[in-house]
Amino acid sequence: MVRKLPPLNALRAFEAAARHLSFTKAAEELFVTQAAVSHQIKTLEAHLGIQLFRRLNRRLLLTEAGQDYFPVLRDALDMMNRATQRLRSQDSSGNLKVSALPSFAAKWLLPRLPRFTEKNPTIDVLISANDQIVDFDQDDFDLAIRYGSGNYPGLRVDRMMGDRIFPVCSPRLLEGDKPLQAPDDLSRHVLLHDDMARTDASANDWQGWLRAAGITTVDPDRGPAYSHSSMVIQAAIEGHGIALGRTSLIGDDVAAGRLVCPFGPVIPGPFTYYLVGPEETADQPKIQAFKTWIQQEVAAFSYPETPLHCGEQLVPEECGPG
């Protein structure tokens, strides 16, 4: 039997508009314009030969036919969605597409990724390093690692780890004719800047750290800026100046001795790392496998047993994952 069904996009537009009784809210949900929703409704009404909505001033009401059609269509779409998710949830292998910030991908995720592959040889992780916020309805990603407040409506959100911030530099800068021994010594050295932190009032840059340290003799704005945190860290490793390091990005370099923390204070980072993804696919075996592995790596993320000092403050206690 050949089914003579209306276009699927028109059915989705009607179901969303009927549920919200608003073309505007339906458009927001479907990530299209209000005009596009209106056009889809007209297409559906023309296909059925029946009026589904009544427009009264600023109110939108369902006709009697629309009231009959809506619950049946809603249930049908829900059944299709559940069947699709059941099918997807059986997927425990194949590609896993993850979006991450470039510096976090380079400094934390990629060095650890071979351990995931070793434990899960049937899952191929594809990392996309970019600064763009993922729209899971439009972009083909399974997960994203975000650095923010954790408020991501409509998504499954799992906390990864927090951050702490403190000065870091090459061990070479602790000696010489301008040794770094106290925060006041920063006036004789180059300050390295993360360009995002410099332009984002919600992020911590030198101004916030100097205020916490009670230092007023150092200009917080002088020194070069770099577009990515990983570049700031590399400049510090090369001895070009002093950077403000985030635990998540400099932990391995401190542990390896490429960077040291000359003094405190250690201040809280502005944001936290979260794993986020669509609620409907969050329980897929391959996604759960990646989340479990991430949490294990976070739990194991620590500094060497030998204490590394931030002045009088021990790095393992004060500068851990948070």
C-alpha atoms as a PDB file:
ATOM      1  CA  MET A   1       0.000   0.000   0.000  1.00  0.00           C
ATOM      2  CA  VAL A   2       1.355   3.375  -1.009  1.00  0.00           C
ATOM      3  CA  ARG A   3       1.093   5.915   1.845  1.00  0.00           C
ATOM      4  CA  LYS A   4       0.144   9.390   0.678  1.00  0.00           C
ATOM      5  CA  LEU A   5       1.645  11.362   3.545  1.00  0.00           C
ATOM      6  CA  PRO A   6       2.269  15.108   3.762  1.00  0.00           C
ATOM      7  CA  PRO A   7       5.879  16.359   3.732  1.00  0.00           C
ATOM      8  CA  LEU A   8       7.682  15.534   6.988  1.00  0.00           C
ATOM      9  CA  ASN A   9       8.919  19.112   7.484  1.00  0.00           C
ATOM     10  CA  ALA A  10       5.335  20.367   7.265  1.00  0.00           C
ATOM     11  CA  LEU A  11       4.218  17.801   9.842  1.00  0.00           C
ATOM     12  CA  ARG A  12       7.044  18.797  12.223  1.00  0.00           C
ATOM     13  CA  ALA A  13       6.180  22.472  11.824  1.00  0.00           C
ATOM     14  CA  PHE A  14       2.512  21.806  12.568  1.00  0.00           C
ATOM     15  CA  GLU A  15       3.263  19.647  15.619  1.00  0.00           C
ATOM     16  CA  ALA A  16       5.611  22.269  17.109  1.00  0.00           C
ATOM     17  CA  ALA A  17       3.232  25.162  16.372  1.00  0.00           C
ATOM     18  CA  ALA A  18       0.259  23.249  17.796  1.00  0.00           C
ATOM     19  CA  ARG A  19       2.180  22.326  20.934  1.00  0.00           C
ATOM     20  CA  HIS A  20       3.291  25.905  21.585  1.00  0.00           C
ATOM     21  CA  LEU A  21       0.290  27.613  19.941  1.00  0.00           C
ATOM     22  CA  SER A  22       2.894  29.944  18.532  1.00  0.00           C
ATOM     23  CA  PHE A  23       4.659  30.143  15.184  1.00  0.00           C
ATOM     24  CA  THR A  24       7.458  32.130  16.829  1.00  0.00           C
ATOM     25  CA  LYS A  25       8.221  29.498  19.465  1.00  0.00           C
ATOM     26  CA  ALA A  26       7.947  26.726  16.888  1.00  0.00           C
ATOM     27  CA  ALA A  27      10.481  28.558  14.713  1.00  0.00           C
ATOM     28  CA  GLU A  28      12.886  28.876  17.659  1.00  0.00           C
ATOM     29  CA  GLU A  29      12.593  25.171  18.428  1.00  0.00           C
ATOM     30  CA  LEU A  30      13.135  24.126  14.809  1.00  0.00           C
ATOM     31  CA  PHE A  31      15.896  26.717  14.155  1.00  0.00           C
ATOM     32  CA  VAL A  32      14.044  28.260  11.209  1.00  0.00           C
ATOM     33  CA  THR A  33      12.318  31.581  10.629  1.00  0.00           C
ATOM     34  CA  GLN A  34       8.717  32.302  11.571  1.00  0.00           C
ATOM     35  CA  ALA A  35       7.984  32.786   7.881  1.00  0.00           C
ATOM     36  CA  ALA A  36       9.298  29.285   7.153  1.00  0.00           C
ATOM     37  CA  VAL A  37       6.967  27.773   9.766  1.00  0.00           C
ATOM     38  CA  SER A  38       4.025  29.720   8.341  1.00  0.00           C
ATOM     39  CA  HIS A  39       4.901  28.487   4.840  1.00  0.00           C
ATOM     40  CA  GLN A  40       5.074  24.857   6.032  1.00  0.00           C
ATOM     41  CA  ILE A  41       1.677  25.166   7.734  1.00  0.00           C
ATOM     42  CA  LYS A  42       0.129  26.561   4.562  1.00  0.00           C
ATOM     43  CA  THR A  43       1.683  23.690   2.589  1.00  0.00           C
ATOM     44  CA  LEU A  44       0.181  21.165   4.995  1.00  0.00           C
ATOM     45  CA  GLU A  45      -3.255  22.820   4.948  1.00  0.00           C
ATOM     46  CA  ALA A  46      -3.175  22.852   1.145  1.00  0.00           C
ATOM     47  CA  HIS A  47      -2.149  19.177   1.061  1.00  0.00           C
ATOM     48  CA  LEU A  48      -5.001  18.219   3.416  1.00  0.00           C
ATOM     49  CA  GLY A  49      -7.519  20.700   2.061  1.00  0.00           C
ATOM     50  CA  ILE A  50      -8.358  21.623   5.667  1.00  0.00           C
ATOM     51  CA  GLN A  51      -7.649  24.663   7.815  1.00  0.00           C
ATOM     52  CA  LEU A  52      -5.712  23.672  10.956  1.00  0.00           C
ATOM     53  CA  PHE A  53      -5.284  27.015  12.741  1.00  0.00           C
ATOM     54  CA  ARG A  54      -7.381  30.064  13.454  1.00  0.00           C
ATOM     55  CA  ARG A  55      -5.571  33.366  13.830  1.00  0.00           C
ATOM     56  CA  LEU A  56      -7.389  35.742  16.214  1.00  0.00           C
ATOM     57  CA  ASN A  57      -5.592  39.052  16.668  1.00  0.00           C
ATOM     58  CA  ARG A  58      -2.369  37.955  18.415  1.00  0.00           C
ATOM     59  CA  ARG A  59      -3.662  34.533  19.423  1.00  0.00           C
ATOM     60  CA  LEU A  60      -3.258  31.257  17.598  1.00  0.00           C
ATOM     61  CA  LEU A  61      -5.903  28.549  18.042  1.00  0.00           C
ATOM     62  CA  LEU A  62      -6.378  25.094  16.630  1.00  0.00           C
ATOM     63  CA  THR A  63      -9.473  24.436  14.564  1.00  0.00           C
ATOM     64  CA  GLU A  64     -11.545  21.385  15.408  1.00  0.00           C
ATOM     65  CA  ALA A  65      -9.724  19.477  12.682  1.00  0.00           C
ATOM     66  CA  GLY A  66      -6.382  20.673  14.077  1.00  0.00           C
ATOM     67  CA  GLN A  67      -7.351  19.498  17.562  1.00  0.00           C
ATOM     68  CA  ASP A  68      -8.135  16.041  16.193  1.00  0.00           C
ATOM     69  CA  TYR A  69      -4.942  15.858  14.123  1.00  0.00           C
ATOM     70  CA  PHE A  70      -2.453  17.157  16.696  1.00  0.00           C
ATOM     71  CA  PRO A  71      -2.439  14.359  19.347  1.00  0.00           C
ATOM     72  CA  VAL A  72      -2.278  11.609  16.714  1.00  0.00           C
ATOM     73  CA  LEU A  73       0.625  13.300  14.929  1.00  0.00           C
ATOM     74  CA  ARG A  74       2.408  14.076  18.223  1.00  0.00           C
ATOM     75  CA  ASP A  75       2.230  10.426  19.288  1.00  0.00           C
ATOM     76  CA  ALA A  76       3.423   9.255  15.874  1.00  0.00           C
ATOM     77  CA  LEU A  77       6.466  11.572  15.966  1.00  0.00           C
ATOM     78  CA  ASP A  78       7.250  10.481  19.527  1.00  0.00           C
ATOM     79  CA  MET A  79       7.151   6.829  18.454  1.00  0.00           C
ATOM     80  CA  MET A  80       9.467   7.559  15.525  1.00  0.00           C
ATOM     81  CA  ASN A  81      11.873   9.367  17.839  1.00  0.00           C
ATOM     82  CA  ARG A  82      11.915   6.528  20.381  1.00  0.00           C
ATOM     83  CA  ALA A  83      12.470   3.930  17.664  1.00  0.00           C
ATOM     84  CA  THR A  84      15.318   5.959  16.217  1.00  0.00           C
ATOM     85  CA  GLN A  85      17.012   6.373  19.595  1.00  0.00           C
ATOM     86  CA  ARG A  86      16.653   2.666  20.370  1.00  0.00           C
ATOM     87  CA  LEU A  87      18.369   1.907  17.087  1.00  0.00           C
ATOM     88  CA  ARG A  88      21.129   4.407  17.804  1.00  0.00           C
ATOM     89  CA  SER A  89      21.608   3.178  21.363  1.00  0.00           C
ATOM     90  CA  GLN A  90      22.651  -0.218  20.010  1.00  0.00           C
ATOM     91  CA  ASP A  91      25.660   1.432  18.403  1.00  0.00           C
ATOM     92  CA  SER A  92      28.754   0.600  20.446  1.00  0.00           C
ATOM     93  CA  SER A  93      31.349   1.059  17.715  1.00  0.00           C
ATOM     94  CA  GLY A  94      32.210   3.285  14.774  1.00  0.00           C
ATOM     95  CA  ASN A  95      33.016   6.999  14.723  1.00  0.00           C
ATOM     96  CA  LEU A  96      32.606   9.243  17.761  1.00  0.00           C
ATOM     97  CA  LYS A  97      32.717  12.918  16.812  1.00  0.00           C
ATOM     98  CA  VAL A  98      33.857  15.262  19.587  1.00  0.00           C
ATOM     99  CA  SER A  99      34.216  19.043  19.496  1.00  0.00           C
ATOM    100  CA  ALA A 100      36.741  20.670  21.849  1.00  0.00           C
ATOM    101  CA  LEU A 101      38.487  23.997  22.299  1.00  0.00           C
ATOM    102  CA  PRO A 102      41.836  23.989  20.429  1.00  0.00           C
ATOM    103  CA  SER A 103      44.098  24.547  23.449  1.00  0.00           C
ATOM    104  CA  PHE A 104      42.309  21.991  25.617  1.00  0.00           C
ATOM    105  CA  ALA A 105      42.433  19.479  22.771  1.00  0.00           C
ATOM    106  CA  ALA A 106      46.161  20.034  22.242  1.00  0.00           C
ATOM    107  CA  LYS A 107      47.312  20.249  25.866  1.00  0.00           C
ATOM    108  CA  TRP A 108      45.022  17.798  27.690  1.00  0.00           C
ATOM    109  CA  LEU A 109      42.851  15.628  25.456  1.00  0.00           C
ATOM    110  CA  LEU A 110      45.134  14.496  22.621  1.00  0.00           C
ATOM    111  CA  PRO A 111      48.051  13.335  24.810  1.00  0.00           C
ATOM    112  CA  ARG A 112      45.638  11.022  26.663  1.00  0.00           C
ATOM    113  CA  LEU A 113      43.543   9.842  23.714  1.00  0.00           C
ATOM    114  CA  PRO A 114      45.690   6.777  22.820  1.00  0.00           C
ATOM    115  CA  ARG A 115      44.636   5.242  26.155  1.00  0.00           C
ATOM    116  CA  PHE A 116      40.985   5.439  25.102  1.00  0.00           C
ATOM    117  CA  THR A 117      41.774   3.840  21.743  1.00  0.00           C
ATOM    118  CA  GLU A 118      43.658   1.050  23.488  1.00  0.00           C
ATOM    119  CA  LYS A 119      40.641   0.295  25.694  1.00  0.00           C
ATOM    120  CA  ASN A 120      38.055   0.792  22.924  1.00  0.00           C
ATOM    121  CA  PRO A 121      39.623  -0.342  19.629  1.00  0.00           C
ATOM    122  CA  THR A 122      36.261  -0.444  17.791  1.00  0.00           C
ATOM    123  CA  ILE A 123      35.549   3.268  18.426  1.00  0.00           C
ATOM    124  CA  ASP A 124      37.299   5.865  16.269  1.00  0.00           C
ATOM    125  CA  VAL A 125      37.340   9.275  17.965  1.00  0.00           C
ATOM    126  CA  LEU A 126      37.268  12.204  15.544  1.00  0.00           C
ATOM    127  CA  ILE A 127      38.346  15.447  17.271  1.00  0.00           C
ATOM    128  CA  SER A 128      37.327  18.804  15.851  1.00  0.00           C
ATOM    129  CA  ALA A 129      39.262  21.609  17.551  1.00  0.00           C
ATOM    130  CA  ASN A 130      37.472  24.933  17.172  1.00  0.00           C
ATOM    131  CA  ASP A 131      36.150  27.875  19.178  1.00  0.00           C
ATOM    132  CA  GLN A 132      32.586  27.650  17.861  1.00  0.00           C
ATOM    133  CA  ILE A 133      29.673  26.572  20.057  1.00  0.00           C
ATOM    134  CA  VAL A 134      28.209  23.360  18.636  1.00  0.00           C
ATOM    135  CA  ASP A 135      24.587  23.324  17.512  1.00  0.00           C
ATOM    136  CA  PHE A 136      23.764  19.628  17.786  1.00  0.00           C
ATOM    137  CA  ASP A 137      20.642  20.056  15.649  1.00  0.00           C
ATOM    138  CA  GLN A 138      22.738  21.396  12.782  1.00  0.00           C
ATOM    139  CA  ASP A 139      26.266  20.033  13.337  1.00  0.00           C
ATOM    140  CA  ASP A 140      27.249  16.390  13.115  1.00  0.00           C
ATOM    141  CA  PHE A 141      28.772  15.899  16.586  1.00  0.00           C
ATOM    142  CA  ASP A 142      28.140  13.338  19.300  1.00  0.00           C
ATOM    143  CA  LEU A 143      29.718  15.323  22.149  1.00  0.00           C
ATOM    144  CA  ALA A 144      31.309  18.666  22.898  1.00  0.00           C
ATOM    145  CA  ILE A 145      33.715  19.661  25.664  1.00  0.00           C
ATOM    146  CA  ARG A 146      32.743  23.140  26.808  1.00  0.00           C
ATOM    147  CA  TYR A 147      34.401  25.551  29.202  1.00  0.00           C
ATOM    148  CA  GLY A 148      31.647  27.571  30.819  1.00  0.00           C
ATOM    149  CA  SER A 149      29.002  27.855  33.509  1.00  0.00           C
ATOM    150  CA  GLY A 150      27.272  24.514  32.856  1.00  0.00           C
ATOM    151  CA  ASN A 151      23.967  26.099  31.862  1.00  0.00           C
ATOM    152  CA  TYR A 152      23.183  24.336  28.574  1.00  0.00           C
ATOM    153  CA  PRO A 153      19.385  23.886  28.322  1.00  0.00           C
ATOM    154  CA  GLY A 154      18.116  20.827  26.491  1.00  0.00           C
ATOM    155  CA  LEU A 155      21.443  18.981  26.659  1.00  0.00           C
ATOM    156  CA  ARG A 156      22.872  16.243  28.889  1.00  0.00           C
ATOM    157  CA  VAL A 157      25.569  17.967  30.941  1.00  0.00           C
ATOM    158  CA  ASP A 158      28.312  16.104  32.839  1.00  0.00           C
ATOM    159  CA  ARG A 159      30.890  18.020  34.864  1.00  0.00           C
ATOM    160  CA  MET A 160      34.503  17.205  34.021  1.00  0.00           C
ATOM    161  CA  MET A 161      36.784  19.396  36.126  1.00  0.00           C
ATOM    162  CA  GLY A 162      37.388  22.897  37.361  1.00  0.00           C
ATOM    163  CA  ASP A 163      40.432  25.108  37.011  1.00  0.00           C
ATOM    164  CA  ARG A 164      42.796  27.100  39.189  1.00  0.00           C
ATOM    165  CA  ILE A 165      45.030  29.873  37.943  1.00  0.00           C
ATOM    166  CA  PHE A 166      48.567  30.848  38.945  1.00  0.00           C
ATOM    167  CA  PRO A 167      51.751  32.278  37.365  1.00  0.00           C
ATOM    168  CA  VAL A 168      54.019  29.907  35.457  1.00  0.00           C
ATOM    169  CA  CYS A 169      57.326  30.394  33.722  1.00  0.00           C
ATOM    170  CA  SER A 170      60.410  28.589  32.480  1.00  0.00           C
ATOM    171  CA  PRO A 171      62.682  27.380  35.316  1.00  0.00           C
ATOM    172  CA  ARG A 172      65.375  29.562  33.736  1.00  0.00           C
ATOM    173  CA  LEU A 173      63.581  32.714  34.883  1.00  0.00           C
ATOM    174  CA  LEU A 174      64.010  31.778  38.549  1.00  0.00           C
ATOM    175  CA  GLU A 175      67.700  32.566  38.269  1.00  0.00           C
ATOM    176  CA  GLY A 176      69.882  35.126  36.506  1.00  0.00           C
ATOM    177  CA  ASP A 177      70.172  38.869  36.994  1.00  0.00           C
ATOM    178  CA  LYS A 178      66.364  39.328  37.374  1.00  0.00           C
ATOM    179  CA  PRO A 179      65.280  36.297  39.426  1.00  0.00           C
ATOM    180  CA  LEU A 180      61.568  35.769  40.042  1.00  0.00           C
ATOM    181  CA  GLN A 181      61.133  35.419  43.782  1.00  0.00           C
ATOM    182  CA  ALA A 182      58.053  37.485  44.664  1.00  0.00           C
ATOM    183  CA  PRO A 183      55.068  39.001  42.789  1.00  0.00           C
ATOM    184  CA  ASP A 184      56.716  42.463  42.810  1.00  0.00           C
ATOM    185  CA  ASP A 185      59.451  41.027  40.570  1.00  0.00           C
ATOM    186  CA  LEU A 186      56.923  40.828  37.720  1.00  0.00           C
ATOM    187  CA  SER A 187      57.589  44.522  37.016  1.00  0.00           C
ATOM    188  CA  ARG A 188      60.959  43.469  35.565  1.00  0.00           C
ATOM    189  CA  HIS A 189      59.583  40.725  33.336  1.00  0.00           C
ATOM    190  CA  VAL A 190      57.323  40.320  30.297  1.00  0.00           C
ATOM    191  CA  LEU A 191      53.700  39.385  30.964  1.00  0.00           C
ATOM    192  CA  LEU A 192      52.195  36.963  28.435  1.00  0.00           C
ATOM    193  CA  HIS A 193      48.487  37.298  27.677  1.00  0.00           C
ATOM    194  CA  ASP A 194      45.691  35.056  26.436  1.00  0.00           C
ATOM    195  CA  ASP A 195      43.862  37.283  23.946  1.00  0.00           C
ATOM    196  CA  MET A 196      40.452  35.843  24.903  1.00  0.00           C
ATOM    197  CA  ALA A 197      41.027  36.568  28.586  1.00  0.00           C
ATOM    198  CA  ARG A 198      42.198  40.047  27.690  1.00  0.00           C
ATOM    199  CA  THR A 199      38.949  40.890  25.916  1.00  0.00           C
ATOM    200  CA  ASP A 200      36.461  38.875  27.986  1.00  0.00           C
ATOM    201  CA  ALA A 201      35.569  40.493  31.295  1.00  0.00           C
ATOM    202  CA  SER A 202      34.348  37.150  32.676  1.00  0.00           C
ATOM    203  CA  ALA A 203      37.752  35.490  32.229  1.00  0.00           C
ATOM    204  CA  ASN A 204      40.766  35.898  34.500  1.00  0.00           C
ATOM    205  CA  ASP A 205      43.762  37.765  33.122  1.00  0.00           C
ATOM    206  CA  TRP A 206      46.659  39.527  34.833  1.00  0.00           C
ATOM    207  CA  GLN A 207      44.490  42.339  36.156  1.00  0.00           C
ATOM    208  CA  GLY A 208      42.428  39.943  38.274  1.00  0.00           C
ATOM    209  CA  TRP A 209      45.449  37.986  39.487  1.00  0.00           C
ATOM    210  CA  LEU A 210      47.430  41.134  40.441  1.00  0.00           C
ATOM    211  CA  ARG A 211      44.413  42.413  42.351  1.00  0.00           C
ATOM    212  CA  ALA A 212      44.232  39.113  44.258  1.00  0.00           C
ATOM    213  CA  ALA A 213      47.974  39.341  44.970  1.00  0.00           C
ATOM    214  CA  GLY A 214      47.641  42.920  46.224  1.00  0.00           C
ATOM    215  CA  ILE A 215      50.133  44.178  43.651  1.00  0.00           C
ATOM    216  CA  THR A 216      49.678  47.722  42.326  1.00  0.00           C
ATOM    217  CA  THR A 217      53.163  48.354  40.918  1.00  0.00           C
ATOM    218  CA  VAL A 218      52.784  46.162  37.805  1.00  0.00           C
ATOM    219  CA  ASP A 219      50.977  47.271  34.636  1.00  0.00           C
ATOM    220  CA  PRO A 220      48.530  44.402  33.890  1.00  0.00           C
ATOM    221  CA  ASP A 221      48.125  45.343  30.216  1.00  0.00           C
ATOM    222  CA  ARG A 222      51.716  45.346  29.009  1.00  0.00           C
ATOM    223  CA  GLY A 223      53.151  42.418  27.096  1.00  0.00           C
ATOM    224  CA  PRO A 224      52.252  40.396  23.989  1.00  0.00           C
ATOM    225  CA  ALA A 225      48.948  38.536  23.488  1.00  0.00           C
ATOM    226  CA  TYR A 226      48.251  35.265  21.698  1.00  0.00           C
ATOM    227  CA  SER A 227      45.049  33.986  20.118  1.00  0.00           C
ATOM    228  CA  HIS A 228      45.131  30.589  21.842  1.00  0.00           C
ATOM    229  CA  SER A 229      46.090  29.516  25.346  1.00  0.00           C
ATOM    230  CA  SER A 230      48.419  26.822  24.015  1.00  0.00           C
ATOM    231  CA  MET A 231      50.495  29.545  22.324  1.00  0.00           C
ATOM    232  CA  VAL A 232      50.755  31.466  25.607  1.00  0.00           C
ATOM    233  CA  ILE A 233      51.946  28.301  27.340  1.00  0.00           C
ATOM    234  CA  GLN A 234      54.535  27.568  24.651  1.00  0.00           C
ATOM    235  CA  ALA A 235      55.862  31.128  24.873  1.00  0.00           C
ATOM    236  CA  ALA A 236      56.285  30.658  28.631  1.00  0.00           C
ATOM    237  CA  ILE A 237      58.085  27.330  28.116  1.00  0.00           C
ATOM    238  CA  GLU A 238      60.467  29.060  25.701  1.00  0.00           C
ATOM    239  CA  GLY A 239      61.281  31.659  28.373  1.00  0.00           C
ATOM    240  CA  HIS A 240      59.626  34.602  26.612  1.00  0.00           C
ATOM    241  CA  GLY A 241      57.866  35.753  29.785  1.00  0.00           C
ATOM    242  CA  ILE A 242      55.461  34.785  32.555  1.00  0.00           C
ATOM    243  CA  ALA A 243      51.994  33.408  31.834  1.00  0.00           C
ATOM    244  CA  LEU A 244      48.922  32.802  33.921  1.00  0.00           C
ATOM    245  CA  GLY A 245      48.431  29.068  33.694  1.00  0.00           C
ATOM    246  CA  ARG A 246      45.182  27.144  34.027  1.00  0.00           C
ATOM    247  CA  THR A 247      45.535  23.805  35.790  1.00  0.00           C
ATOM    248  CA  SER A 248      43.907  21.922  32.933  1.00  0.00           C
ATOM    249  CA  LEU A 249      46.323  23.282  30.360  1.00  0.00           C
ATOM    250  CA  ILE A 250      49.668  23.476  32.192  1.00  0.00           C
ATOM    251  CA  GLY A 251      49.434  20.491  34.557  1.00  0.00           C
ATOM    252  CA  ASP A 252      51.451  18.169  32.347  1.00  0.00           C
ATOM    253  CA  ASP A 253      54.094  20.832  31.643  1.00  0.00           C
ATOM    254  CA  VAL A 254      54.508  21.565  35.369  1.00  0.00           C
ATOM    255  CA  ALA A 255      54.723  17.852  36.109  1.00  0.00           C
ATOM    256  CA  ALA A 256      57.420  17.448  33.436  1.00  0.00           C
ATOM    257  CA  GLY A 257      59.411  20.424  34.731  1.00  0.00           C
ATOM    258  CA  ARG A 258      58.948  22.505  31.579  1.00  0.00           C
ATOM    259  CA  LEU A 259      57.130  25.102  33.679  1.00  0.00           C
ATOM    260  CA  VAL A 260      57.309  26.101  37.326  1.00  0.00           C
ATOM    261  CA  CYS A 261      55.074  28.163  39.574  1.00  0.00           C
ATOM    262  CA  PRO A 262      57.362  30.802  41.160  1.00  0.00           C
ATOM    263  CA  PHE A 263      54.846  32.113  43.711  1.00  0.00           C
ATOM    264  CA  GLY A 264      51.153  32.414  44.577  1.00  0.00           C
ATOM    265  CA  PRO A 265      48.446  33.272  45.114  1.00  0.00           C
ATOM    266  CA  VAL A 266      46.408  30.586  43.391  1.00  0.00           C
ATOM    267  CA  ILE A 267      42.971  31.836  42.343  1.00  0.00           C
ATOM    268  CA  PRO A 268      39.855  29.979  41.120  1.00  0.00           C
ATOM    269  CA  GLY A 269      39.334  29.704  37.383  1.00  0.00           C
ATOM    270  CA  PRO A 270      36.340  31.529  35.896  1.00  0.00           C
ATOM    271  CA  PHE A 271      34.691  28.444  34.402  1.00  0.00           C
ATOM    272  CA  THR A 272      34.466  24.657  34.539  1.00  0.00           C
ATOM    273  CA  TYR A 273      34.829  21.994  31.854  1.00  0.00           C
ATOM    274  CA  TYR A 274      31.688  20.062  30.927  1.00  0.00           C
ATOM    275  CA  LEU A 275      30.846  17.204  28.576  1.00  0.00           C
ATOM    276  CA  VAL A 276      27.643  18.090  26.755  1.00  0.00           C
ATOM    277  CA  GLY A 277      25.536  16.347  24.149  1.00  0.00           C
ATOM    278  CA  PRO A 278      21.972  15.662  23.037  1.00  0.00           C
ATOM    279  CA  GLU A 279      19.804  14.091  25.729  1.00  0.00           C
ATOM    280  CA  GLU A 280      18.312  11.583  23.295  1.00  0.00           C
ATOM    281  CA  THR A 281      21.712  10.050  22.370  1.00  0.00           C
ATOM    282  CA  ALA A 282      23.455  10.441  25.735  1.00  0.00           C
ATOM    283  CA  ASP A 283      23.080   6.752  26.634  1.00  0.00           C
ATOM    284  CA  GLN A 284      24.661   5.334  23.498  1.00  0.00           C
ATOM    285  CA  PRO A 285      27.293   2.774  24.531  1.00  0.00           C
ATOM    286  CA  LYS A 286      30.125   4.497  22.661  1.00  0.00           C
ATOM    287  CA  ILE A 287      29.266   7.866  24.226  1.00  0.00           C
ATOM    288  CA  GLN A 288      29.051   6.319  27.684  1.00  0.00           C
ATOM    289  CA  ALA A 289      32.400   4.607  27.093  1.00  0.00           C
ATOM    290  CA  PHE A 290      34.023   7.947  26.253  1.00  0.00           C
ATOM    291  CA  LYS A 291      32.468   9.693  29.265  1.00  0.00           C
ATOM    292  CA  THR A 292      33.616   6.939  31.616  1.00  0.00           C
ATOM    293  CA  TRP A 293      37.137   7.135  30.235  1.00  0.00           C
ATOM    294  CA  ILE A 294      37.190  10.950  30.561  1.00  0.00           C
ATOM    295  CA  GLN A 295      36.153  10.763  34.209  1.00  0.00           C
ATOM    296  CA  GLN A 296      38.866   8.178  34.883  1.00  0.00           C
ATOM    297  CA  GLU A 297      41.465  10.424  33.267  1.00  0.00           C
ATOM    298  CA  VAL A 298      40.292  13.425  35.286  1.00  0.00           C
ATOM    299  CA  ALA A 299      40.532  11.403  38.498  1.00  0.00           C
ATOM    300  CA  ALA A 300      44.099  10.382  37.585  1.00  0.00           C
ATOM    301  CA  PHE A 301      45.124  13.913  36.546  1.00  0.00           C
ATOM    302  CA  SER A 302      47.622  15.003  39.207  1.00  0.00           C
ATOM    303  CA  TYR A 303      51.108  16.305  39.761  1.00  0.00           C
ATOM    304  CA  PRO A 304      54.149  14.270  40.786  1.00  0.00           C
ATOM    305  CA  GLU A 305      54.396  13.063  44.360  1.00  0.00           C
ATOM    306  CA  THR A 306      57.320  15.453  44.923  1.00  0.00           C
ATOM    307  CA  PRO A 307      55.700  18.760  45.979  1.00  0.00           C
ATOM    308  CA  LEU A 308      56.063  21.650  43.555  1.00  0.00           C
ATOM    309  CA  HIS A 309      55.830  24.993  45.292  1.00  0.00           C
ATOM    310  CA  CYS A 310      53.772  28.047  44.380  1.00  0.00           C
ATOM    311  CA  GLY A 311      55.830  30.103  46.797  1.00  0.00           C
ATOM    312  CA  GLU A 312      54.685  28.736  50.159  1.00  0.00           C
ATOM    313  CA  GLN A 313      51.650  27.010  48.620  1.00  0.00           C
ATOM    314  CA  LEU A 314      51.922  23.417  47.487  1.00  0.00           C
ATOM    315  CA  VAL A 315      50.795  22.830  43.922  1.00  0.00           C
ATOM    316  CA  PRO A 316      49.220  19.383  44.549  1.00  0.00           C
ATOM    317  CA  GLU A 317      46.843  20.936  47.111  1.00  0.00           C
ATOM    318  CA  GLU A 318      46.284  24.364  45.658  1.00  0.00           C
ATOM    319  CA  CYS A 319      46.568  23.825  41.913  1.00  0.00           C
ATOM    320  CA  GLY A 320      44.876  20.484  41.357  1.00  0.00           C
ATOM    321  CA  PRO A 321      42.001  19.817  38.978  1.00  0.00           C
ATOM    322  CA  GLY A 322      39.553  21.540  41.323  1.00  0.00           C
END
